């Protein structure tokens, strides 16, 4: 990170509540873990205490890429979430409550990469499957503010997830929609989010976005990494911030990665105070 970007990160940090950042979408495969990996990298470059968790058990992408490894490259079973990636299974009755219990650490920011379809699991922690009011109140009682980071692909189900989380959490959380440009570059590539006109002139889609913005939600565009470069970086199972050291990458691919990392940081800086930067 260059000096000017680092200065922005240091000076944009607002004094306020500790944050529980949930990277979500009820639709799987939208790119949640990619966004969580980049957010974890950026947050750990600040002076804040940051804990990172993967809620997809011991096989989640965030754990595999950003988890602490031994000298031989083996993933450590015991992870310190302040350095590597803690993990639990949000779908498991015995693990689910860890999403709330982990707040006992008092870390400034806790980032959780949530498994697809987690909204229903969150509702079961305190509220017995009936909403999230009790969960939200318990988080607030621990001095934390909830930040819902919904990662959007271009399919209808991804947009529906934004609506569902907005309805469930309302003003008990800050809401962010991340337009993942790995799924398209223009508004036309995300028809259900931005809206579109059918062949007979009927307007469809776009209402969720309108309601989201009217409720004070923040929208940010997240860059795409060239597919071949992404495949190699993903296979290396290292944080994006360290992937340039991989011998599998060509000079051009390292340039792709550097551009991607810079653009990702700039995207998060647009919502710096919301996500704890």
Protein backbone atom coordinates (compact mmCIF):
# COMPACT_ATOMS: atom_id res chain seq x y z
CA UNK A 1 0.00 0.00 0.00
CA UNK A 2 1.36 3.44 -0.87
CA UNK A 3 1.76 6.20 1.72
CA UNK A 4 -1.22 8.25 0.52
CA UNK A 5 -3.60 5.28 0.70
CA UNK A 6 -2.31 4.34 4.14
CA UNK A 7 -2.87 7.88 5.34
CA UNK A 8 -6.46 7.73 4.10
CA UNK A 9 -7.03 4.50 6.03
CA UNK A 10 -5.60 5.98 9.22
CA UNK A 11 -7.47 9.29 9.05
CA UNK A 12 -10.84 7.96 7.87
CA UNK A 13 -11.34 5.77 10.94
CA UNK A 14 -14.28 7.17 12.87
CA UNK A 15 -14.64 6.85 16.61
CA UNK A 16 -17.76 4.88 17.47
CA UNK A 17 -19.19 1.43 18.06
CA UNK A 18 -17.27 -1.73 17.48
CA UNK A 19 -18.38 -3.51 14.33
CA UNK A 20 -19.69 -6.95 13.48
CA UNK A 21 -19.36 -7.12 9.70
CA UNK A 22 -21.33 -9.93 8.07
CA UNK A 23 -20.42 -10.62 4.44
CA UNK A 24 -23.56 -12.26 3.11
CA UNK A 25 -25.85 -13.33 0.33
CA UNK A 26 -28.47 -16.02 0.52
CA UNK A 27 -27.46 -17.01 -3.01
CA UNK A 28 -24.27 -19.07 -3.09
CA UNK A 29 -21.41 -18.47 -5.49
CA UNK A 30 -21.70 -14.69 -5.71
CA UNK A 31 -18.12 -14.01 -4.57
CA UNK A 32 -18.60 -13.40 -0.84
CA UNK A 33 -15.27 -14.95 0.10
CA UNK A 34 -13.34 -12.85 -2.43
CA UNK A 35 -14.77 -9.67 -0.91
CA UNK A 36 -14.16 -10.98 2.64
CA UNK A 37 -10.55 -11.82 1.77
CA UNK A 38 -9.87 -8.33 0.48
CA UNK A 39 -11.69 -6.65 3.36
CA UNK A 40 -9.68 -8.68 5.88
CA UNK A 41 -6.42 -7.62 4.20
CA UNK A 42 -7.35 -3.93 4.22
CA UNK A 43 -8.62 -3.91 7.80
CA UNK A 44 -5.49 -5.61 9.06
CA UNK A 45 -3.42 -2.76 7.65
CA UNK A 46 -5.05 -0.40 10.16
CA UNK A 47 -4.20 -0.13 13.87
CA UNK A 48 -7.47 -1.74 14.87
CA UNK A 49 -7.87 -5.16 16.46
CA UNK A 50 -9.53 -7.25 13.74
CA UNK A 51 -10.84 -10.78 14.05
CA UNK A 52 -11.81 -12.78 10.98
CA UNK A 53 -14.08 -15.83 10.86
CA UNK A 54 -15.24 -18.28 8.22
CA UNK A 55 -18.68 -19.68 9.04
CA UNK A 56 -18.56 -22.52 6.51
CA UNK A 57 -16.82 -24.95 8.86
CA UNK A 58 -13.27 -26.07 8.21
CA UNK A 59 -13.50 -26.00 4.41
CA UNK A 60 -14.42 -22.38 3.65
CA UNK A 61 -12.54 -20.38 1.03
CA UNK A 62 -11.62 -17.58 3.45
CA UNK A 63 -10.05 -20.05 5.87
CA UNK A 64 -8.13 -21.83 3.12
CA UNK A 65 -6.72 -18.60 1.68
CA UNK A 66 -6.12 -16.45 4.76
CA UNK A 67 -5.73 -19.04 7.50
CA UNK A 68 -2.43 -19.43 9.34
CA UNK A 69 -0.20 -22.25 8.09
CA UNK A 70 2.79 -24.11 9.51
CA UNK A 71 6.30 -24.11 8.08
CA UNK A 72 5.34 -26.88 5.66
CA UNK A 73 2.30 -25.05 4.37
CA UNK A 74 -0.22 -27.08 6.32
CA UNK A 75 -3.30 -25.26 7.59
CA UNK A 76 -3.26 -25.04 11.38
CA UNK A 77 -6.25 -26.62 13.09
CA UNK A 78 -6.09 -24.05 15.88
CA UNK A 79 -6.47 -20.58 14.39
CA UNK A 80 -6.05 -17.23 16.12
CA UNK A 81 -8.77 -15.05 14.49
CA UNK A 82 -6.66 -11.95 15.12
CA UNK A 83 -3.90 -13.31 12.87
CA UNK A 84 -5.42 -16.07 10.75
CA UNK A 85 -9.06 -17.10 10.36
CA UNK A 86 -11.21 -18.60 13.08
CA UNK A 87 -13.93 -20.92 11.87
CA UNK A 88 -17.20 -22.53 12.82
CA UNK A 89 -20.25 -23.95 11.05
CA UNK A 90 -23.21 -21.57 11.11
CA UNK A 91 -25.45 -24.47 10.04
CA UNK A 92 -24.51 -26.56 13.08
CA UNK A 93 -26.65 -26.45 16.23
CA UNK A 94 -23.54 -26.70 18.40
CA UNK A 95 -21.59 -24.00 16.51
CA UNK A 96 -24.21 -21.45 15.47
CA UNK A 97 -24.12 -19.40 18.68
CA UNK A 98 -20.43 -18.65 18.15
CA UNK A 99 -21.48 -15.85 15.80
CA UNK A 100 -22.75 -14.02 18.89
CA UNK A 101 -20.43 -15.47 21.53
CA UNK A 102 -17.31 -14.39 19.64
CA UNK A 103 -18.17 -10.78 20.53
CA UNK A 104 -16.82 -11.51 24.02
CA UNK A 105 -13.31 -10.89 22.67
CA UNK A 106 -14.05 -7.18 22.38
CA UNK A 107 -12.18 -6.83 19.06
CA UNK A 108 -12.69 -3.51 17.30
CA UNK A 109 -13.93 -5.19 14.12
CA UNK A 110 -15.13 -8.76 13.64
CA UNK A 111 -15.55 -9.89 10.04
CA UNK A 112 -17.53 -13.03 9.26
CA UNK A 113 -17.72 -14.63 5.83
CA UNK A 114 -21.21 -16.06 6.03
CA UNK A 115 -22.18 -19.28 4.28
CA UNK A 116 -24.89 -19.04 1.63
CA UNK A 117 -28.39 -19.00 3.10
CA UNK A 118 -27.24 -17.85 6.55
CA UNK A 119 -30.13 -15.49 7.28
CA UNK A 120 -32.28 -18.33 8.52
CA UNK A 121 -29.43 -19.63 10.68
CA UNK A 122 -28.90 -16.20 12.25
CA UNK A 123 -32.59 -16.07 13.14
CA UNK A 124 -32.21 -19.30 15.10
CA UNK A 125 -29.45 -18.08 17.45
CA UNK A 126 -31.71 -16.06 19.77
CA UNK A 127 -35.08 -15.72 18.03
CA UNK A 128 -35.99 -19.39 17.45
CA UNK A 129 -36.30 -18.78 13.72
CA UNK A 130 -38.68 -15.83 14.05
CA UNK A 131 -36.79 -12.77 12.83
CA UNK A 132 -33.51 -11.36 14.13
CA UNK A 133 -34.69 -8.80 16.71
CA UNK A 134 -33.24 -10.65 19.69
CA UNK A 135 -29.97 -11.27 17.89
CA UNK A 136 -29.64 -7.60 16.92
CA UNK A 137 -30.40 -6.47 20.48
CA UNK A 138 -27.82 -8.88 21.90
CA UNK A 139 -25.16 -7.58 19.50
CA UNK A 140 -25.99 -3.98 20.46
CA UNK A 141 -25.79 -4.87 24.15
CA UNK A 142 -22.17 -5.94 23.62
CA UNK A 143 -21.32 -2.52 22.16
CA UNK A 144 -21.28 -3.65 18.53
CA UNK A 145 -22.96 -2.28 15.43
CA UNK A 146 -24.01 -4.76 12.74
CA UNK A 147 -22.88 -4.11 9.18
CA UNK A 148 -24.51 -6.24 6.48
CA UNK A 149 -22.33 -6.45 3.37
CA UNK A 150 -24.45 -8.09 0.67
CA UNK A 151 -22.36 -9.24 -2.31
CA UNK A 152 -24.27 -9.10 -5.57
CA UNK A 153 -23.93 -11.24 -8.67
CA UNK A 154 -26.22 -10.61 -11.66
CA UNK A 155 -28.86 -13.24 -10.90
CA UNK A 156 -32.26 -12.50 -9.41
CA UNK A 157 -31.62 -14.47 -6.23
CA UNK A 158 -28.69 -12.24 -5.30
CA UNK A 159 -30.88 -9.12 -5.47
CA UNK A 160 -33.60 -10.88 -3.50
CA UNK A 161 -31.08 -11.46 -0.72
CA UNK A 162 -30.55 -7.71 -0.33
CA UNK A 163 -34.29 -7.25 0.08
CA UNK A 164 -34.49 -10.09 2.61
CA UNK A 165 -31.66 -8.76 4.80
CA UNK A 166 -32.98 -5.20 4.60
CA UNK A 167 -36.41 -6.40 5.70
CA UNK A 168 -35.00 -8.58 8.49
CA UNK A 169 -32.50 -6.14 10.01
CA UNK A 170 -33.94 -2.78 9.01
CA UNK A 171 -32.27 0.10 10.83
CA UNK A 172 -30.68 -2.23 13.40
CA UNK A 173 -27.81 -2.59 10.90
CA UNK A 174 -25.85 -0.62 8.36
CA UNK A 175 -26.39 -2.02 4.86
CA UNK A 176 -23.88 -2.21 2.01
CA UNK A 177 -24.44 -3.66 -1.46
CA UNK A 178 -21.26 -4.72 -3.24
CA UNK A 179 -21.69 -4.97 -7.00
CA UNK A 180 -19.24 -7.73 -7.90
CA UNK A 181 -17.98 -6.80 -11.35
CA UNK A 182 -16.70 -10.32 -11.88
CA UNK A 183 -20.30 -10.84 -13.03
CA UNK A 184 -20.46 -7.90 -15.43
CA UNK A 185 -19.18 -4.42 -16.14
CA UNK A 186 -22.33 -2.39 -16.94
CA UNK A 187 -25.69 -1.76 -15.34
CA UNK A 188 -27.28 -3.85 -18.08
CA UNK A 189 -25.31 -6.84 -16.77
CA UNK A 190 -27.20 -6.57 -13.45
CA UNK A 191 -30.81 -6.30 -14.68
CA UNK A 192 -32.56 -7.28 -11.46
CA UNK A 193 -30.62 -4.79 -9.37
CA UNK A 194 -30.78 -1.80 -11.71
CA UNK A 195 -34.01 -2.71 -13.52
CA UNK A 196 -34.74 -3.36 -17.18
CA UNK A 197 -37.37 -2.90 -19.85
CA UNK A 198 -38.98 -5.94 -21.48
CA UNK A 199 -39.70 -6.21 -25.19
CA UNK A 200 -43.27 -4.99 -24.63
CA UNK A 201 -42.11 -1.93 -22.68
CA UNK A 202 -42.79 -3.26 -19.19
CA UNK A 203 -40.40 -2.08 -16.47
CA UNK A 204 -39.04 -4.86 -14.26
CA UNK A 205 -36.50 -5.01 -11.46
CA UNK A 206 -34.82 -2.07 -9.74
CA UNK A 207 -37.28 -1.72 -6.85
CA UNK A 208 -35.01 -3.44 -4.34
CA UNK A 209 -32.20 -1.04 -5.21
CA UNK A 210 -34.50 1.97 -4.95
CA UNK A 211 -35.77 0.85 -1.53
CA UNK A 212 -32.23 0.02 -0.41
CA UNK A 213 -30.86 3.47 -1.30
CA UNK A 214 -33.93 5.21 0.18
CA UNK A 215 -33.23 3.40 3.45
CA UNK A 216 -29.69 4.79 3.50
CA UNK A 217 -27.90 1.74 2.10
CA UNK A 218 -24.46 2.23 0.58
CA UNK A 219 -23.58 0.88 -2.87
CA UNK A 220 -20.04 0.15 -3.99
CA UNK A 221 -18.54 -1.44 -7.11
CA UNK A 222 -15.94 -4.15 -6.59
CA UNK A 223 -13.37 -4.83 -9.32
CA UNK A 224 -12.83 -8.08 -11.20
CA UNK A 225 -9.51 -9.89 -11.43
CA UNK A 226 -8.66 -11.48 -14.78
CA UNK A 227 -9.97 -15.08 -14.65
CA UNK A 228 -6.67 -16.82 -15.33
CA UNK A 229 -4.84 -14.75 -12.74
CA UNK A 230 -7.62 -15.33 -10.23
CA UNK A 231 -7.46 -19.09 -10.79
CA UNK A 232 -3.73 -19.14 -10.00
CA UNK A 233 -4.06 -16.90 -6.96
CA UNK A 234 -6.97 -18.96 -5.66
CA UNK A 235 -4.97 -22.17 -6.09
CA UNK A 236 -2.03 -20.68 -4.17
CA UNK A 237 -4.28 -20.40 -1.07
CA UNK A 238 -2.69 -17.20 0.23
CA UNK A 239 -4.13 -13.74 0.96
CA UNK A 240 -4.41 -11.45 -2.04
CA UNK A 241 -1.91 -9.13 -0.34
CA UNK A 242 0.75 -11.84 -0.43
CA UNK A 243 -0.11 -13.57 -3.70
CA UNK A 244 2.35 -11.49 -5.76
CA UNK A 245 5.12 -13.64 -4.27
CA UNK A 246 3.76 -16.74 -6.02
CA UNK A 247 6.19 -18.17 -8.57
CA UNK A 248 3.19 -19.32 -10.62
CA UNK A 249 2.37 -15.76 -11.67
CA UNK A 250 3.93 -14.09 -14.68
CA UNK A 251 4.97 -10.43 -14.60
CA UNK A 252 1.76 -9.52 -16.39
CA UNK A 253 -0.36 -11.50 -13.94
CA UNK A 254 1.36 -9.77 -11.03
CA UNK A 255 0.42 -6.47 -12.63
CA UNK A 256 -3.19 -7.71 -12.90
CA UNK A 257 -3.13 -8.57 -9.20
CA UNK A 258 -1.59 -5.26 -8.17
CA UNK A 259 -4.27 -3.36 -10.10
CA UNK A 260 -7.00 -5.51 -8.56
CA UNK A 261 -5.70 -5.02 -5.00
CA UNK A 262 -5.46 -1.27 -5.48
CA UNK A 263 -8.96 -1.01 -6.94
CA UNK A 264 -10.40 -3.17 -4.15
CA UNK A 265 -8.88 -0.91 -1.52
CA UNK A 266 -10.23 2.17 -3.26
CA UNK A 267 -13.69 0.60 -3.31
CA UNK A 268 -13.60 -0.02 0.44
CA UNK A 269 -12.36 3.50 1.07
CA UNK A 270 -15.64 4.75 -0.45
CA UNK A 271 -17.41 3.18 2.56
CA UNK A 272 -14.51 3.53 5.00
CA UNK A 273 -16.47 4.67 8.06
CA UNK A 274 -19.13 2.00 7.51
CA UNK A 275 -16.76 -0.99 7.48
CA UNK A 276 -14.34 0.23 10.12
CA UNK A 277 -11.52 1.77 8.10
